[in-house]
Amino acid sequence: MTPVWLTIERFLAEHGAIVLVTLAEAAGSSPCEIDARMVVRRDGRFSGTIWGGALEWQAVAQRRRFGG
């Protein structure tokens, strides 16, 4: 298994619900490759990066907004 899948498995076991965020597209230059991933827990803590603090914080905010 790749590290992201191990993280998903562990987060699900420990926290019950997670969100997987995947960078699917980038316009212009981007510090991160397409398919970069981060896994966000219920409490907003995350593992991985999609590079770009504002984009990551938006992903965490959406996770909190939708709960679960």
PDB file of N, CA and C in Angstrom:
ATOM      1  N   MET A   1       0.839  -1.193   0.000  1.00  0.00           N
ATOM      2  CA  MET A   1       0.000   0.000   0.000  1.00  0.00           C
ATOM      3  C   MET A   1       0.880   1.251   0.000  1.00  0.00           C
ATOM      4  N   THR A   2       0.413   2.297  -0.665  1.00  0.00           N
ATOM      5  CA  THR A   2       1.150   3.549  -0.644  1.00  0.00           C
ATOM      6  C   THR A   2       0.867   4.286   0.657  1.00  0.00           C
ATOM      7  N   PRO A   3       1.747   5.202   1.055  1.00  0.00           N
ATOM      8  CA  PRO A   3       1.569   5.903   2.338  1.00  0.00           C
ATOM      9  C   PRO A   3       0.204   6.572   2.505  1.00  0.00           C
ATOM     10  N   VAL A   4      -0.346   7.167   1.447  1.00  0.00           N
ATOM     11  CA  VAL A   4      -1.643   7.835   1.614  1.00  0.00           C
ATOM     12  C   VAL A   4      -2.721   6.830   2.008  1.00  0.00           C
ATOM     13  N   TRP A   5      -2.682   5.637   1.440  1.00  0.00           N
ATOM     14  CA  TRP A   5      -3.702   4.640   1.777  1.00  0.00           C
ATOM     15  C   TRP A   5      -3.515   4.114   3.192  1.00  0.00           C
ATOM     16  N   LEU A   6      -2.284   4.008   3.643  1.00  0.00           N
ATOM     17  CA  LEU A   6      -2.042   3.625   5.035  1.00  0.00           C
ATOM     18  C   LEU A   6      -2.563   4.697   5.988  1.00  0.00           C
ATOM     19  N   THR A   7      -2.365   5.957   5.623  1.00  0.00           N
ATOM     20  CA  THR A   7      -2.873   7.071   6.438  1.00  0.00           C
ATOM     21  C   THR A   7      -4.390   7.040   6.476  1.00  0.00           C
ATOM     22  N   ILE A   8      -5.016   6.820   5.341  1.00  0.00           N
ATOM     23  CA  ILE A   8      -6.481   6.741   5.288  1.00  0.00           C
ATOM     24  C   ILE A   8      -6.976   5.617   6.190  1.00  0.00           C
ATOM     25  N   GLU A   9      -6.364   4.462   6.078  1.00  0.00           N
ATOM     26  CA  GLU A   9      -6.759   3.319   6.905  1.00  0.00           C
ATOM     27  C   GLU A   9      -6.626   3.645   8.397  1.00  0.00           C
ATOM     28  N   ARG A  10      -5.521   4.248   8.784  1.00  0.00           N
ATOM     29  CA  ARG A  10      -5.283   4.585  10.197  1.00  0.00           C
ATOM     30  C   ARG A  10      -6.260   5.659  10.678  1.00  0.00           C
ATOM     31  N   PHE A  11      -6.447   6.725   9.885  1.00  0.00           N
ATOM     32  CA  PHE A  11      -7.358   7.801  10.281  1.00  0.00           C
ATOM     33  C   PHE A  11      -8.790   7.289  10.414  1.00  0.00           C
ATOM     34  N   LEU A  12      -9.208   6.436   9.509  1.00  0.00           N
ATOM     35  CA  LEU A  12     -10.560   5.879   9.608  1.00  0.00           C
ATOM     36  C   LEU A  12     -10.722   5.052  10.876  1.00  0.00           C
ATOM     37  N   ALA A  13      -9.724   4.238  11.185  1.00  0.00           N
ATOM     38  CA  ALA A  13      -9.790   3.413  12.390  1.00  0.00           C
ATOM     39  C   ALA A  13      -9.800   4.267  13.651  1.00  0.00           C
ATOM     40  N   GLU A  14      -9.019   5.349  13.660  1.00  0.00           N
ATOM     41  CA  GLU A  14      -8.891   6.179  14.859  1.00  0.00           C
ATOM     42  C   GLU A  14      -9.960   7.258  14.978  1.00  0.00           C
ATOM     43  N   HIS A  15     -10.477   7.760  13.848  1.00  0.00           N
ATOM     44  CA  HIS A  15     -11.350   8.937  13.886  1.00  0.00           C
ATOM     45  C   HIS A  15     -12.709   8.727  13.235  1.00  0.00           C
ATOM     46  N   GLY A  16     -12.932   7.598  12.592  1.00  0.00           N
ATOM     47  CA  GLY A  16     -14.248   7.275  12.064  1.00  0.00           C
ATOM     48  C   GLY A  16     -14.605   7.869  10.725  1.00  0.00           C
ATOM     49  N   ALA A  17     -14.149   9.063  10.446  1.00  0.00           N
ATOM     50  CA  ALA A  17     -14.493   9.700   9.173  1.00  0.00           C
ATOM     51  C   ALA A  17     -13.359  10.637   8.774  1.00  0.00           C
ATOM     52  N   ILE A  18     -13.082  10.643   7.497  1.00  0.00           N
ATOM     53  CA  ILE A  18     -12.029  11.514   6.976  1.00  0.00           C
ATOM     54  C   ILE A  18     -12.474  12.048   5.615  1.00  0.00           C
ATOM     55  N   VAL A  19     -11.728  13.018   5.131  1.00  0.00           N
ATOM     56  CA  VAL A  19     -11.929  13.513   3.773  1.00  0.00           C
ATOM     57  C   VAL A  19     -10.588  13.401   3.057  1.00  0.00           C
ATOM     58  N   LEU A  20     -10.627  12.880   1.845  1.00  0.00           N
ATOM     59  CA  LEU A  20      -9.442  12.818   1.005  1.00  0.00           C
ATOM     60  C   LEU A  20      -9.542  13.955   0.002  1.00  0.00           C
ATOM     61  N   VAL A  21      -8.576  14.863   0.026  1.00  0.00           N
ATOM     62  CA  VAL A  21      -8.527  15.988  -0.898  1.00  0.00           C
ATOM     63  C   VAL A  21      -7.442  15.680  -1.924  1.00  0.00           C
ATOM     64  N   THR A  22      -7.796  15.768  -3.197  1.00  0.00           N
ATOM     65  CA  THR A  22      -6.857  15.491  -4.278  1.00  0.00           C
ATOM     66  C   THR A  22      -6.808  16.682  -5.213  1.00  0.00           C
ATOM     67  N   LEU A  23      -5.614  17.158  -5.516  1.00  0.00           N
ATOM     68  CA  LEU A  23      -5.442  18.250  -6.468  1.00  0.00           C
ATOM     69  C   LEU A  23      -5.651  17.681  -7.866  1.00  0.00           C
ATOM     70  N   ALA A  24      -6.775  18.035  -8.483  1.00  0.00           N
ATOM     71  CA  ALA A  24      -7.145  17.467  -9.774  1.00  0.00           C
ATOM     72  C   ALA A  24      -6.709  18.327 -10.946  1.00  0.00           C
ATOM     73  N   GLU A  25      -6.537  19.622 -10.699  1.00  0.00           N
ATOM     74  CA  GLU A  25      -6.229  20.533 -11.789  1.00  0.00           C
ATOM     75  C   GLU A  25      -5.544  21.768 -11.236  1.00  0.00           C
ATOM     76  N   ALA A  26      -4.658  22.347 -12.022  1.00  0.00           N
ATOM     77  CA  ALA A  26      -3.998  23.594 -11.623  1.00  0.00           C
ATOM     78  C   ALA A  26      -3.914  24.506 -12.836  1.00  0.00           C
ATOM     79  N   ALA A  27      -4.202  25.773 -12.621  1.00  0.00           N
ATOM     80  CA  ALA A  27      -4.089  26.760 -13.691  1.00  0.00           C
ATOM     81  C   ALA A  27      -2.792  27.531 -13.490  1.00  0.00           C
ATOM     82  N   GLY A  28      -2.016  27.673 -14.541  1.00  0.00           N
ATOM     83  CA  GLY A  28      -0.744  28.377 -14.416  1.00  0.00           C
ATOM     84  C   GLY A  28       0.271  27.521 -13.702  1.00  0.00           C
ATOM     85  N   SER A  29       1.235  28.176 -13.081  1.00  0.00           N
ATOM     86  CA  SER A  29       2.258  27.416 -12.368  1.00  0.00           C
ATOM     87  C   SER A  29       1.738  26.998 -11.006  1.00  0.00           C
ATOM     88  N   SER A  30       2.174  25.853 -10.562  1.00  0.00           N
ATOM     89  CA  SER A  30       1.740  25.321  -9.277  1.00  0.00           C
ATOM     90  C   SER A  30       2.936  24.671  -8.597  1.00  0.00           C
ATOM     91  N   PRO A  31       3.080  24.882  -7.274  1.00  0.00           N
ATOM     92  CA  PRO A  31       4.206  24.259  -6.573  1.00  0.00           C
ATOM     93  C   PRO A  31       4.008  22.766  -6.347  1.00  0.00           C
ATOM     94  N   CYS A  32       2.850  22.244  -6.718  1.00  0.00           N
ATOM     95  CA  CYS A  32       2.550  20.850  -6.437  1.00  0.00           C
ATOM     96  C   CYS A  32       2.087  20.149  -7.706  1.00  0.00           C
ATOM     97  N   GLU A  33       2.325  18.863  -7.775  1.00  0.00           N
ATOM     98  CA  GLU A  33       1.918  18.070  -8.913  1.00  0.00           C
ATOM     99  C   GLU A  33       0.431  17.728  -8.831  1.00  0.00           C
ATOM    100  N   ILE A  34      -0.187  17.580  -9.997  1.00  0.00           N
ATOM    101  CA  ILE A  34      -1.554  17.076 -10.055  1.00  0.00           C
ATOM    102  C   ILE A  34      -1.575  15.718  -9.346  1.00  0.00           C
ATOM    103  N   ASP A  35      -2.647  15.407  -8.669  1.00  0.00           N
ATOM    104  CA  ASP A  35      -2.848  14.193  -7.867  1.00  0.00           C
ATOM    105  C   ASP A  35      -2.184  14.260  -6.499  1.00  0.00           C
ATOM    106  N   ALA A  36      -1.659  15.419  -6.095  1.00  0.00           N
ATOM    107  CA  ALA A  36      -1.182  15.572  -4.719  1.00  0.00           C
ATOM    108  C   ALA A  36      -2.394  15.371  -3.803  1.00  0.00           C
ATOM    109  N   ARG A  37      -2.155  14.803  -2.627  1.00  0.00           N
ATOM    110  CA  ARG A  37      -3.278  14.481  -1.737  1.00  0.00           C
ATOM    111  C   ARG A  37      -3.014  14.913  -0.306  1.00  0.00           C
ATOM    112  N   MET A  38      -4.118  15.186   0.391  1.00  0.00           N
ATOM    113  CA  MET A  38      -4.073  15.374   1.829  1.00  0.00           C
ATOM    114  C   MET A  38      -5.311  14.710   2.418  1.00  0.00           C
ATOM    115  N   VAL A  39      -5.172  14.189   3.617  1.00  0.00           N
ATOM    116  CA  VAL A  39      -6.255  13.515   4.320  1.00  0.00           C
ATOM    117  C   VAL A  39      -6.600  14.378   5.531  1.00  0.00           C
ATOM    118  N   VAL A  40      -7.885  14.752   5.644  1.00  0.00           N
ATOM    119  CA  VAL A  40      -8.324  15.659   6.710  1.00  0.00           C
ATOM    120  C   VAL A  40      -9.219  14.907   7.684  1.00  0.00           C
ATOM    121  N   ARG A  41      -8.871  15.001   8.975  1.00  0.00           N
ATOM    122  CA  ARG A  41      -9.663  14.367  10.033  1.00  0.00           C
ATOM    123  C   ARG A  41     -10.825  15.267  10.440  1.00  0.00           C
ATOM    124  N   ARG A  42     -11.711  14.724  11.255  1.00  0.00           N
ATOM    125  CA  ARG A  42     -12.856  15.492  11.777  1.00  0.00           C
ATOM    126  C   ARG A  42     -12.422  16.748  12.525  1.00  0.00           C
ATOM    127  N   ASP A  43     -11.317  16.652  13.256  1.00  0.00           N
ATOM    128  CA  ASP A  43     -10.887  17.782  14.072  1.00  0.00           C
ATOM    129  C   ASP A  43     -10.094  18.827  13.273  1.00  0.00           C
ATOM    130  N   GLY A  44      -9.960  18.621  11.967  1.00  0.00           N
ATOM    131  CA  GLY A  44      -9.276  19.599  11.125  1.00  0.00           C
ATOM    132  C   GLY A  44      -7.790  19.332  10.939  1.00  0.00           C
ATOM    133  N   ARG A  45      -7.228  18.431  11.723  1.00  0.00           N
ATOM    134  CA  ARG A  45      -5.810  18.092  11.521  1.00  0.00           C
ATOM    135  C   ARG A  45      -5.702  17.274  10.244  1.00  0.00           C
ATOM    136  N   PHE A  46      -4.556  17.382   9.589  1.00  0.00           N
ATOM    137  CA  PHE A  46      -4.417  16.678   8.321  1.00  0.00           C
ATOM    138  C   PHE A  46      -3.017  16.141   8.119  1.00  0.00           C
ATOM    139  N   SER A  47      -2.931  15.242   7.173  1.00  0.00           N
ATOM    140  CA  SER A  47      -1.667  14.643   6.767  1.00  0.00           C
ATOM    141  C   SER A  47      -1.549  14.813   5.264  1.00  0.00           C
ATOM    142  N   GLY A  48      -0.345  15.055   4.789  1.00  0.00           N
ATOM    143  CA  GLY A  48      -0.137  15.275   3.371  1.00  0.00           C
ATOM    144  C   GLY A  48      -0.241  16.752   3.041  1.00  0.00           C
ATOM    145  N   THR A  49      -0.123  17.067   1.769  1.00  0.00           N
ATOM    146  CA  THR A  49      -0.198  18.465   1.354  1.00  0.00           C
ATOM    147  C   THR A  49      -0.655  18.564  -0.092  1.00  0.00           C
ATOM    148  N   ILE A  50      -1.376  19.606  -0.391  1.00  0.00           N
ATOM    149  CA  ILE A  50      -1.694  19.949  -1.765  1.00  0.00           C
ATOM    150  C   ILE A  50      -0.996  21.260  -2.107  1.00  0.00           C
ATOM    151  N   TRP A  51      -0.024  21.638  -1.296  1.00  0.00           N
ATOM    152  CA  TRP A  51       0.782  22.842  -1.438  1.00  0.00           C
ATOM    153  C   TRP A  51      -0.077  24.059  -1.729  1.00  0.00           C
ATOM    154  N   GLY A  52       0.082  25.040  -0.938  1.00  0.00           N
ATOM    155  CA  GLY A  52      -0.712  26.254  -1.066  1.00  0.00           C
ATOM    156  C   GLY A  52      -1.543  26.396   0.183  1.00  0.00           C
ATOM    157  N   GLY A  53      -1.030  27.150   1.136  1.00  0.00           N
ATOM    158  CA  GLY A  53      -1.692  27.280   2.433  1.00  0.00           C
ATOM    159  C   GLY A  53      -3.150  27.661   2.336  1.00  0.00           C
ATOM    160  N   ALA A  54      -3.468  28.629   1.488  1.00  0.00           N
ATOM    161  CA  ALA A  54      -4.861  29.079   1.378  1.00  0.00           C
ATOM    162  C   ALA A  54      -5.755  27.944   0.881  1.00  0.00           C
ATOM    163  N   LEU A  55      -5.286  27.202  -0.086  1.00  0.00           N
ATOM    164  CA  LEU A  55      -6.069  26.088  -0.624  1.00  0.00           C
ATOM    165  C   LEU A  55      -6.245  24.991   0.422  1.00  0.00           C
ATOM    166  N   GLU A  56      -5.198  24.711   1.171  1.00  0.00           N
ATOM    167  CA  GLU A  56      -5.307  23.702   2.225  1.00  0.00           C
ATOM    168  C   GLU A  56      -6.282  24.139   3.307  1.00  0.00           C
ATOM    169  N   TRP A  57      -6.222  25.404   3.710  1.00  0.00           N
ATOM    170  CA  TRP A  57      -7.135  25.878   4.749  1.00  0.00           C
ATOM    171  C   TRP A  57      -8.571  25.893   4.264  1.00  0.00           C
ATOM    172  N   GLN A  58      -8.788  26.135   2.973  1.00  0.00           N
ATOM    173  CA  GLN A  58     -10.144  26.045   2.421  1.00  0.00           C
ATOM    174  C   GLN A  58     -10.653  24.609   2.503  1.00  0.00           C
ATOM    175  N   ALA A  59      -9.783  23.656   2.226  1.00  0.00           N
ATOM    176  CA  ALA A  59     -10.171  22.240   2.311  1.00  0.00           C
ATOM    177  C   ALA A  59     -10.543  21.867   3.751  1.00  0.00           C
ATOM    178  N   VAL A  60      -9.759  22.327   4.728  1.00  0.00           N
ATOM    179  CA  VAL A  60     -10.048  22.052   6.127  1.00  0.00           C
ATOM    180  C   VAL A  60     -11.360  22.725   6.534  1.00  0.00           C
ATOM    181  N   ALA A  61     -11.585  23.944   6.086  1.00  0.00           N
ATOM    182  CA  ALA A  61     -12.826  24.663   6.410  1.00  0.00           C
ATOM    183  C   ALA A  61     -14.038  23.927   5.833  1.00  0.00           C
ATOM    184  N   GLN A  62     -13.917  23.423   4.616  1.00  0.00           N
ATOM    185  CA  GLN A  62     -15.018  22.668   4.013  1.00  0.00           C
ATOM    186  C   GLN A  62     -15.277  21.402   4.812  1.00  0.00           C
ATOM    187  N   ARG A  63     -14.229  20.748   5.268  1.00  0.00           N
ATOM    188  CA  ARG A  63     -14.378  19.529   6.075  1.00  0.00           C
ATOM    189  C   ARG A  63     -15.161  19.834   7.344  1.00  0.00           C
ATOM    190  N   ARG A  64     -14.809  20.920   7.992  1.00  0.00           N
ATOM    191  CA  ARG A  64     -15.516  21.296   9.229  1.00  0.00           C
ATOM    192  C   ARG A  64     -16.959  21.694   8.928  1.00  0.00           C
ATOM    193  N   ARG A  65     -17.159  22.356   7.819  1.00  0.00           N
ATOM    194  CA  ARG A  65     -18.506  22.816   7.449  1.00  0.00           C
ATOM    195  C   ARG A  65     -19.469  21.645   7.264  1.00  0.00           C
ATOM    196  N   PHE A  66     -18.978  20.573   6.650  1.00  0.00           N
ATOM    197  CA  PHE A  66     -19.837  19.443   6.357  1.00  0.00           C
ATOM    198  C   PHE A  66     -19.845  18.388   7.441  1.00  0.00           C
ATOM    199  N   GLY A  67     -18.985  18.556   8.439  1.00  0.00           N
ATOM    200  CA  GLY A  67     -19.005  17.653   9.598  1.00  0.00           C
ATOM    201  C   GLY A  67     -18.849  16.201   9.222  1.00  0.00           C
ATOM    202  N   GLY A  68     -19.562  15.350   9.959  1.00  0.00           N
ATOM    203  CA  GLY A  68     -19.508  13.916   9.644  1.00  0.00           C
ATOM    204  C   GLY A  68     -18.558  13.267  10.507  1.00  0.00           C
TER     205      GLY A  68
END
